Amino acid sequence: MPVSIKHIPGDGYQVSTPNQVHAKHTSLENAKKQKRLLNAVEHGFKPTHHSAANGSFIDKRMKLAGI
Protein backbone atom coordinates (compact mmCIF):
# COMPACT_ATOMS: atom_id res chain seq x y z
CA MET A 1 0.00 0.00 0.00
CA PRO A 2 1.70 3.19 -1.07
CA VAL A 3 1.54 5.92 1.54
CA SER A 4 1.72 9.47 0.24
CA ILE A 5 2.36 12.79 1.94
CA LYS A 6 0.92 15.90 0.27
CA HIS A 7 1.46 19.53 1.20
CA ILE A 8 -1.88 21.26 1.59
CA PRO A 9 -2.51 25.02 1.43
CA GLY A 10 -1.51 26.69 4.63
CA ASP A 11 0.84 25.05 7.05
CA GLY A 12 -0.04 21.39 6.91
CA TYR A 13 0.42 18.01 5.34
CA GLN A 14 -1.97 15.18 4.51
CA VAL A 15 -1.09 11.50 4.88
CA SER A 16 -3.09 9.14 2.68
CA THR A 17 -3.22 5.69 1.16
CA PRO A 18 -5.26 4.67 -1.88
CA ASN A 19 -8.22 3.77 0.37
CA GLN A 20 -8.36 6.59 2.91
CA VAL A 21 -6.88 9.74 4.38
CA HIS A 22 -5.10 9.03 7.67
CA ALA A 23 -4.18 12.58 8.72
CA LYS A 24 -5.06 16.14 7.73
CA HIS A 25 -3.26 19.36 8.67
CA THR A 26 -0.39 17.62 10.43
CA SER A 27 3.25 18.70 10.60
CA LEU A 28 5.80 17.31 8.18
CA GLU A 29 7.63 15.58 11.04
CA ASN A 30 4.45 13.84 12.23
CA ALA A 31 3.48 12.95 8.65
CA LYS A 32 6.82 11.19 8.13
CA LYS A 33 6.37 9.31 11.41
CA GLN A 34 2.90 8.18 10.42
CA LYS A 35 4.11 7.07 6.99
CA ARG A 36 6.78 4.89 8.62
CA LEU A 37 4.19 3.45 11.03
CA LEU A 38 1.70 2.61 8.26
CA ASN A 39 4.44 0.91 6.23
CA ALA A 40 5.57 -1.07 9.30
CA VAL A 41 2.02 -2.25 10.06
CA GLU A 42 1.62 -3.41 6.47
CA HIS A 43 4.78 -5.52 6.83
CA GLY A 44 3.65 -7.28 10.01
CA PHE A 45 4.48 -4.88 12.84
CA LYS A 46 1.92 -5.14 15.64
CA PRO A 47 1.93 -2.00 17.81
CA THR A 48 1.74 -2.62 21.54
CA HIS A 49 1.44 -0.39 24.55
CA HIS A 50 4.72 0.24 26.35
CA SER A 51 3.41 -1.23 29.62
CA ALA A 52 2.15 -4.48 28.07
CA ALA A 53 5.12 -6.38 26.70
CA ASN A 54 2.99 -9.32 25.61
CA GLY A 55 0.68 -7.19 23.46
CA SER A 56 -2.38 -7.64 25.66
CA PHE A 57 -3.15 -3.92 25.62
CA ILE A 58 -3.62 -3.74 21.86
CA ASP A 59 -5.62 -7.00 21.88
CA LYS A 60 -8.06 -5.56 24.42
CA ARG A 61 -8.39 -2.30 22.46
CA MET A 62 -9.06 -4.19 19.22
CA LYS A 63 -11.81 -6.22 20.92
CA LEU A 64 -13.40 -3.01 22.23
CA ALA A 65 -13.27 -1.52 18.73
CA GLY A 66 -14.76 -4.67 17.19
CA ILE A 67 -11.74 -5.40 15.00
C-alpha atoms as a PDB file:
ATOM      1  CA  MET A   1       0.000   0.000   0.000  1.00  0.00           C
ATOM      2  CA  PRO A   2       1.699   3.187  -1.074  1.00  0.00           C
ATOM      3  CA  VAL A   3       1.536   5.925   1.541  1.00  0.00           C
ATOM      4  CA  SER A   4       1.716   9.469   0.242  1.00  0.00           C
ATOM      5  CA  ILE A   5       2.360  12.793   1.937  1.00  0.00           C
ATOM      6  CA  LYS A   6       0.916  15.896   0.269  1.00  0.00           C
ATOM      7  CA  HIS A   7       1.463  19.530   1.196  1.00  0.00           C
ATOM      8  CA  ILE A   8      -1.878  21.261   1.590  1.00  0.00           C
ATOM      9  CA  PRO A   9      -2.510  25.021   1.426  1.00  0.00           C
ATOM     10  CA  GLY A  10      -1.507  26.694   4.627  1.00  0.00           C
ATOM     11  CA  ASP A  11       0.838  25.049   7.050  1.00  0.00           C
ATOM     12  CA  GLY A  12      -0.044  21.393   6.908  1.00  0.00           C
ATOM     13  CA  TYR A  13       0.417  18.010   5.337  1.00  0.00           C
ATOM     14  CA  GLN A  14      -1.970  15.176   4.513  1.00  0.00           C
ATOM     15  CA  VAL A  15      -1.086  11.497   4.882  1.00  0.00           C
ATOM     16  CA  SER A  16      -3.091   9.143   2.683  1.00  0.00           C
ATOM     17  CA  THR A  17      -3.220   5.694   1.162  1.00  0.00           C
ATOM     18  CA  PRO A  18      -5.264   4.668  -1.875  1.00  0.00           C
ATOM     19  CA  ASN A  19      -8.223   3.772   0.366  1.00  0.00           C
ATOM     20  CA  GLN A  20      -8.358   6.592   2.908  1.00  0.00           C
ATOM     21  CA  VAL A  21      -6.878   9.737   4.382  1.00  0.00           C
ATOM     22  CA  HIS A  22      -5.104   9.034   7.674  1.00  0.00           C
ATOM     23  CA  ALA A  23      -4.178  12.584   8.715  1.00  0.00           C
ATOM     24  CA  LYS A  24      -5.057  16.137   7.729  1.00  0.00           C
ATOM     25  CA  HIS A  25      -3.259  19.358   8.666  1.00  0.00           C
ATOM     26  CA  THR A  26      -0.388  17.623  10.428  1.00  0.00           C
ATOM     27  CA  SER A  27       3.248  18.697  10.602  1.00  0.00           C
ATOM     28  CA  LEU A  28       5.804  17.312   8.180  1.00  0.00           C
ATOM     29  CA  GLU A  29       7.632  15.580  11.041  1.00  0.00           C
ATOM     30  CA  ASN A  30       4.448  13.839  12.227  1.00  0.00           C
ATOM     31  CA  ALA A  31       3.479  12.948   8.646  1.00  0.00           C
ATOM     32  CA  LYS A  32       6.823  11.195   8.130  1.00  0.00           C
ATOM     33  CA  LYS A  33       6.374   9.305  11.412  1.00  0.00           C
ATOM     34  CA  GLN A  34       2.901   8.184  10.420  1.00  0.00           C
ATOM     35  CA  LYS A  35       4.110   7.075   6.990  1.00  0.00           C
ATOM     36  CA  ARG A  36       6.776   4.887   8.624  1.00  0.00           C
ATOM     37  CA  LEU A  37       4.193   3.447  11.029  1.00  0.00           C
ATOM     38  CA  LEU A  38       1.699   2.610   8.256  1.00  0.00           C
ATOM     39  CA  ASN A  39       4.439   0.906   6.234  1.00  0.00           C
ATOM     40  CA  ALA A  40       5.571  -1.072   9.298  1.00  0.00           C
ATOM     41  CA  VAL A  41       2.020  -2.247  10.060  1.00  0.00           C
ATOM     42  CA  GLU A  42       1.624  -3.413   6.467  1.00  0.00           C
ATOM     43  CA  HIS A  43       4.779  -5.516   6.826  1.00  0.00           C
ATOM     44  CA  GLY A  44       3.655  -7.282  10.009  1.00  0.00           C
ATOM     45  CA  PHE A  45       4.482  -4.884  12.844  1.00  0.00           C
ATOM     46  CA  LYS A  46       1.923  -5.137  15.643  1.00  0.00           C
ATOM     47  CA  PRO A  47       1.935  -1.999  17.806  1.00  0.00           C
ATOM     48  CA  THR A  48       1.737  -2.619  21.541  1.00  0.00           C
ATOM     49  CA  HIS A  49       1.440  -0.386  24.550  1.00  0.00           C
ATOM     50  CA  HIS A  50       4.724   0.237  26.348  1.00  0.00           C
ATOM     51  CA  SER A  51       3.405  -1.230  29.616  1.00  0.00           C
ATOM     52  CA  ALA A  52       2.151  -4.479  28.065  1.00  0.00           C
ATOM     53  CA  ALA A  53       5.125  -6.379  26.701  1.00  0.00           C
ATOM     54  CA  ASN A  54       2.985  -9.325  25.614  1.00  0.00           C
ATOM     55  CA  GLY A  55       0.679  -7.189  23.456  1.00  0.00           C
ATOM     56  CA  SER A  56      -2.381  -7.644  25.660  1.00  0.00           C
ATOM     57  CA  PHE A  57      -3.150  -3.917  25.624  1.00  0.00           C
ATOM     58  CA  ILE A  58      -3.624  -3.739  21.857  1.00  0.00           C
ATOM     59  CA  ASP A  59      -5.620  -7.001  21.876  1.00  0.00           C
ATOM     60  CA  LYS A  60      -8.062  -5.559  24.417  1.00  0.00           C
ATOM     61  CA  ARG A  61      -8.393  -2.304  22.463  1.00  0.00           C
ATOM     62  CA  MET A  62      -9.062  -4.186  19.221  1.00  0.00           C
ATOM     63  CA  LYS A  63     -11.813  -6.216  20.922  1.00  0.00           C
ATOM     64  CA  LEU A  64     -13.398  -3.011  22.226  1.00  0.00           C
ATOM     65  CA  ALA A  65     -13.271  -1.516  18.725  1.00  0.00           C
ATOM     66  CA  GLY A  66     -14.763  -4.669  17.191  1.00  0.00           C
ATOM     67  CA  ILE A  67     -11.745  -5.400  15.003  1.00  0.00           C
END
